[in-house]
Amino acid sequence: VGAVVEEWRRLDVLVNNAGVLRDATLGKVTDEDWALTLDVNLRGVLNVAQACAVEDVRRLVFSSSSEVYGIPSEFPTPESAPLVVPDPTNPRWSYAASKIAGELVVTHTARRHGFEYVILRYHNVYGPAMGEDHVVPQFITRLIRDEEFTVQGDGSQRRAFCYVDDAVEATVERLNGEVVLSVEDDGPGIPPEDLTRQTACERIRLDEDEGPLRHAGSLPALRAS
């Protein structure tokens, strides 16, 4: 905590966007991955929250995630929805668990020490330099290469995405504002077929009825074996 405190003396508002994902939402999580995710995210938010208390920071803005809703039953998902870890034994949920714990740390440390806090639950932020281990750059890469790729399910499922510039704008606006807010687009989500078309470069053309996208049928099980 001491090292953290030295870095931001006399700050008024602190935005904590640091964290580790390590493919936790993609189902490809090793023991080392989930251990690192929990270690970095939990120790990080504990240090930051405690340092805010020591240095009398006025407001802490904490970056959470839509993953805290687990498998929600309502779309768009309201901020009042329960926070759920569907299966604590499955490393796939390590990131979600770290964010739920982070929200608890921020909320109760802020209340105890009397500083303000904001929790932002980002939904699938995408943009330049995000790396290729995410759905939008993977779709673009496969479209450019004219490769077939698979989407789990029948294509009727929808996801909400938020461009990084919009996420930054929303974050800046919340330097003063609501306590808990979901950061996403305002629509009902987007199906896989539309995502492939909207993320493609203008020089790529997909026929309305044909293309490299195929469906894999039912969604894979989310519980650990």
Protein backbone atom coordinates (compact mmCIF):
# COMPACT_ATOMS: atom_id res chain seq x y z
CA VAL A 1 0.00 0.00 0.00
CA GLY A 2 2.83 2.41 0.81
CA ALA A 3 4.22 2.23 -2.73
CA VAL A 4 0.77 2.88 -4.16
CA VAL A 5 0.21 5.85 -1.90
CA GLU A 6 3.46 7.49 -2.99
CA GLU A 7 2.32 7.46 -6.63
CA TRP A 8 -0.81 9.59 -6.18
CA ARG A 9 -0.53 11.97 -3.30
CA ARG A 10 -2.94 14.92 -3.55
CA LEU A 11 -5.22 13.18 -6.07
CA ASP A 12 -8.89 14.19 -6.06
CA VAL A 13 -10.34 11.31 -8.14
CA LEU A 14 -8.73 7.97 -8.95
CA VAL A 15 -9.85 5.71 -11.83
CA ASN A 16 -8.78 2.08 -11.32
CA ASN A 17 -8.83 0.30 -14.69
CA ALA A 18 -6.02 -2.14 -13.89
CA GLY A 19 -6.73 -5.87 -13.93
CA VAL A 20 -5.98 -9.25 -15.48
CA LEU A 21 -8.34 -11.34 -17.61
CA ARG A 22 -6.21 -14.19 -19.02
CA ASP A 23 -9.00 -15.69 -21.17
CA ALA A 24 -11.17 -16.33 -18.12
CA THR A 25 -14.31 -15.64 -20.15
CA LEU A 26 -13.21 -17.82 -23.07
CA GLY A 27 -13.11 -21.12 -21.21
CA LYS A 28 -9.36 -21.63 -21.78
CA VAL A 29 -8.12 -21.15 -18.23
CA THR A 30 -5.19 -23.00 -16.71
CA ASP A 31 -4.49 -23.19 -12.97
CA GLU A 32 -1.82 -20.53 -13.43
CA ASP A 33 -4.27 -18.27 -15.27
CA TRP A 34 -7.01 -18.27 -12.65
CA ALA A 35 -4.49 -17.95 -9.82
CA LEU A 36 -2.91 -14.90 -11.48
CA THR A 37 -6.34 -13.38 -12.21
CA LEU A 38 -7.44 -13.65 -8.59
CA ASP A 39 -4.08 -12.60 -7.16
CA VAL A 40 -3.63 -9.47 -9.29
CA ASN A 41 -7.25 -8.32 -9.28
CA LEU A 42 -7.90 -8.88 -5.57
CA ARG A 43 -4.59 -7.59 -4.25
CA GLY A 44 -4.79 -4.67 -6.64
CA VAL A 45 -8.22 -3.44 -5.58
CA LEU A 46 -7.42 -3.96 -1.89
CA ASN A 47 -4.26 -1.85 -2.20
CA VAL A 48 -6.01 0.85 -4.20
CA ALA A 49 -9.01 1.12 -1.88
CA GLN A 50 -6.84 1.24 1.23
CA ALA A 51 -4.57 3.84 -0.33
CA CYS A 52 -7.61 6.00 -1.16
CA ALA A 53 -8.60 5.86 2.49
CA VAL A 54 -5.11 6.82 3.67
CA GLU A 55 -4.73 9.72 1.25
CA ASP A 56 -8.29 11.08 1.56
CA VAL A 57 -9.03 10.65 -2.14
CA ARG A 58 -12.47 12.15 -2.79
CA ARG A 59 -13.73 9.53 -5.23
CA LEU A 60 -12.64 6.09 -6.49
CA VAL A 61 -13.90 4.87 -9.88
CA PHE A 62 -13.63 1.08 -10.12
CA SER A 63 -13.79 -0.86 -13.40
CA SER A 64 -16.00 -3.91 -12.98
CA SER A 65 -17.55 -6.05 -15.72
CA SER A 66 -20.81 -7.41 -17.09
CA GLU A 67 -19.36 -10.81 -16.12
CA VAL A 68 -20.56 -10.17 -12.55
CA TYR A 69 -24.11 -11.02 -13.68
CA GLY A 70 -23.08 -14.63 -14.41
CA ILE A 71 -25.70 -15.99 -16.82
CA PRO A 72 -28.39 -13.30 -16.60
CA SER A 73 -32.03 -14.01 -17.37
CA GLU A 74 -32.90 -10.48 -18.47
CA PHE A 75 -31.53 -8.50 -21.43
CA PRO A 76 -30.55 -5.71 -21.32
CA THR A 77 -29.48 -6.57 -17.79
CA PRO A 78 -30.32 -3.90 -15.17
CA GLU A 79 -27.78 -2.83 -12.57
CA SER A 80 -30.13 -4.19 -9.91
CA ALA A 81 -29.69 -7.78 -11.16
CA PRO A 82 -28.03 -10.17 -8.66
CA LEU A 83 -24.27 -10.68 -8.89
CA VAL A 84 -23.62 -14.38 -9.39
CA VAL A 85 -20.73 -16.84 -9.74
CA PRO A 86 -22.51 -19.80 -11.40
CA ASP A 87 -19.85 -22.34 -10.44
CA PRO A 88 -17.01 -21.42 -8.03
CA THR A 89 -15.14 -24.64 -8.95
CA ASN A 90 -14.89 -23.64 -12.62
CA PRO A 91 -11.82 -21.45 -13.39
CA ARG A 92 -13.84 -19.83 -16.19
CA TRP A 93 -15.55 -17.70 -13.52
CA SER A 94 -12.37 -16.53 -11.77
CA TYR A 95 -12.50 -13.12 -13.47
CA ALA A 96 -16.17 -12.58 -12.57
CA ALA A 97 -15.48 -13.62 -8.98
CA SER A 98 -12.57 -11.17 -8.72
CA LYS A 99 -14.78 -8.33 -9.97
CA ILE A 100 -17.61 -9.16 -7.55
CA ALA A 101 -15.10 -9.21 -4.71
CA GLY A 102 -13.65 -5.95 -6.01
CA GLU A 103 -17.05 -4.29 -5.87
CA LEU A 104 -17.43 -5.43 -2.26
CA VAL A 105 -13.99 -4.07 -1.34
CA VAL A 106 -14.64 -0.70 -2.98
CA THR A 107 -18.16 -0.31 -1.59
CA HIS A 108 -17.39 -1.15 2.01
CA THR A 109 -13.97 0.54 2.18
CA ALA A 110 -15.53 3.74 0.80
CA ARG A 111 -18.40 3.60 3.28
CA ARG A 112 -16.10 2.91 6.19
CA HIS A 113 -13.67 5.72 5.39
CA GLY A 114 -16.15 8.21 3.96
CA PHE A 115 -14.95 8.65 0.37
CA GLU A 116 -17.14 8.51 -2.74
CA TYR A 117 -17.07 5.61 -5.17
CA VAL A 118 -18.34 4.68 -8.62
CA ILE A 119 -18.54 1.17 -10.07
CA LEU A 120 -18.60 0.82 -13.87
CA ARG A 121 -19.62 -2.55 -15.32
CA TYR A 122 -18.12 -2.53 -18.80
CA HIS A 123 -19.72 -4.70 -21.50
CA ASN A 124 -17.34 -6.16 -24.11
CA VAL A 125 -15.22 -3.07 -24.81
CA TYR A 126 -13.40 -3.31 -28.15
CA GLY A 127 -11.04 -1.14 -30.16
CA PRO A 128 -7.49 -0.74 -31.50
CA ALA A 129 -4.60 -2.60 -29.86
CA MET A 130 -6.89 -4.92 -27.86
CA GLY A 131 -5.11 -8.09 -29.00
CA GLU A 132 -6.58 -10.97 -31.00
CA ASP A 133 -7.95 -13.12 -28.17
CA HIS A 134 -11.36 -11.44 -28.39
CA VAL A 135 -14.40 -11.94 -30.58
CA VAL A 136 -14.32 -8.71 -32.64
CA PRO A 137 -10.66 -8.94 -33.80
CA GLN A 138 -11.08 -12.69 -34.35
CA PHE A 139 -14.07 -12.10 -36.62
CA ILE A 140 -12.21 -9.40 -38.54
CA THR A 141 -9.09 -11.57 -38.98
CA ARG A 142 -11.11 -14.52 -40.29
CA LEU A 143 -13.09 -12.30 -42.64
CA ILE A 144 -9.91 -10.80 -44.06
CA ARG A 145 -8.47 -14.28 -44.58
CA ASP A 146 -11.79 -15.60 -45.94
CA GLU A 147 -11.70 -18.36 -43.32
CA GLU A 148 -14.67 -20.24 -41.94
CA PHE A 149 -15.25 -19.74 -38.24
CA THR A 150 -17.65 -21.14 -35.68
CA VAL A 151 -20.12 -19.42 -33.39
CA GLN A 152 -21.49 -21.55 -30.56
CA GLY A 153 -25.28 -21.82 -30.58
CA ASP A 154 -27.86 -21.28 -33.33
CA GLY A 155 -27.08 -17.62 -34.01
CA SER A 156 -30.04 -16.19 -32.12
CA GLN A 157 -27.99 -15.17 -29.05
CA ARG A 158 -27.05 -11.51 -28.67
CA ARG A 159 -24.18 -9.64 -27.02
CA ALA A 160 -23.69 -5.98 -26.15
CA PHE A 161 -20.47 -4.28 -27.32
CA CYS A 162 -18.99 -0.89 -26.50
CA TYR A 163 -16.32 0.90 -28.53
CA VAL A 164 -13.35 2.03 -26.45
CA ASP A 165 -13.88 5.75 -27.18
CA ASP A 166 -17.44 5.49 -25.85
CA ALA A 167 -16.19 3.62 -22.78
CA VAL A 168 -13.64 6.37 -22.10
CA GLU A 169 -16.29 9.07 -22.53
CA ALA A 170 -18.63 7.29 -20.10
CA THR A 171 -15.79 6.87 -17.61
CA VAL A 172 -14.87 10.55 -17.71
CA GLU A 173 -18.52 11.51 -17.23
CA ARG A 174 -18.67 9.33 -14.13
CA LEU A 175 -15.94 11.25 -12.36
CA ASN A 176 -19.05 12.80 -10.85
CA GLY A 177 -22.29 10.84 -11.08
CA GLU A 178 -24.08 7.60 -10.33
CA VAL A 179 -22.68 4.92 -8.05
CA VAL A 180 -23.20 1.84 -10.25
CA LEU A 181 -23.56 2.02 -14.02
CA SER A 182 -23.38 -0.45 -16.90
CA VAL A 183 -21.21 0.79 -19.78
CA GLU A 184 -22.60 -0.61 -23.03
CA ASP A 185 -24.51 0.39 -26.14
CA ASP A 186 -28.14 1.48 -25.78
CA GLY A 187 -29.59 -1.27 -27.97
CA PRO A 188 -30.77 -4.80 -27.27
CA GLY A 189 -27.50 -6.41 -28.38
CA ILE A 190 -26.28 -7.76 -31.68
CA PRO A 191 -26.51 -11.26 -33.19
CA PRO A 192 -23.38 -12.99 -34.60
CA GLU A 193 -24.34 -12.51 -38.27
CA ASP A 194 -24.70 -8.75 -37.86
CA LEU A 195 -21.46 -8.57 -35.87
CA THR A 196 -19.52 -10.18 -38.72
CA ARG A 197 -20.83 -7.57 -41.14
CA GLN A 198 -20.46 -4.54 -38.89
CA THR A 199 -16.89 -5.34 -37.83
CA ALA A 200 -15.70 -6.10 -41.35
CA CYS A 201 -13.62 -3.57 -43.26
CA GLU A 202 -15.48 -1.75 -46.04
CA ARG A 203 -13.61 -3.71 -48.68
CA ILE A 204 -15.00 -6.99 -47.34
CA ARG A 205 -18.42 -7.94 -48.64
CA LEU A 206 -20.64 -10.65 -47.18
CA ASP A 207 -23.71 -11.88 -49.00
CA GLU A 208 -26.88 -11.45 -46.92
CA ASP A 209 -27.49 -15.21 -46.92
CA GLU A 210 -24.02 -16.69 -47.26
CA GLY A 211 -20.60 -16.23 -45.71
CA PRO A 212 -17.87 -17.93 -43.70
CA LEU A 213 -19.98 -18.13 -40.52
CA ARG A 214 -21.33 -21.47 -39.34
CA HIS A 215 -23.12 -22.47 -36.14
CA ALA A 216 -22.07 -25.28 -33.82
CA GLY A 217 -25.49 -26.06 -32.39
CA SER A 218 -26.01 -26.03 -28.65
CA LEU A 219 -23.86 -23.92 -26.36
CA PRO A 220 -21.10 -25.77 -24.45
CA ALA A 221 -21.56 -26.59 -20.79
CA LEU A 222 -20.20 -23.95 -18.42
CA ARG A 223 -19.72 -26.20 -15.41
CA ALA A 224 -16.40 -27.83 -14.61
CA SER A 225 -16.12 -31.56 -15.16
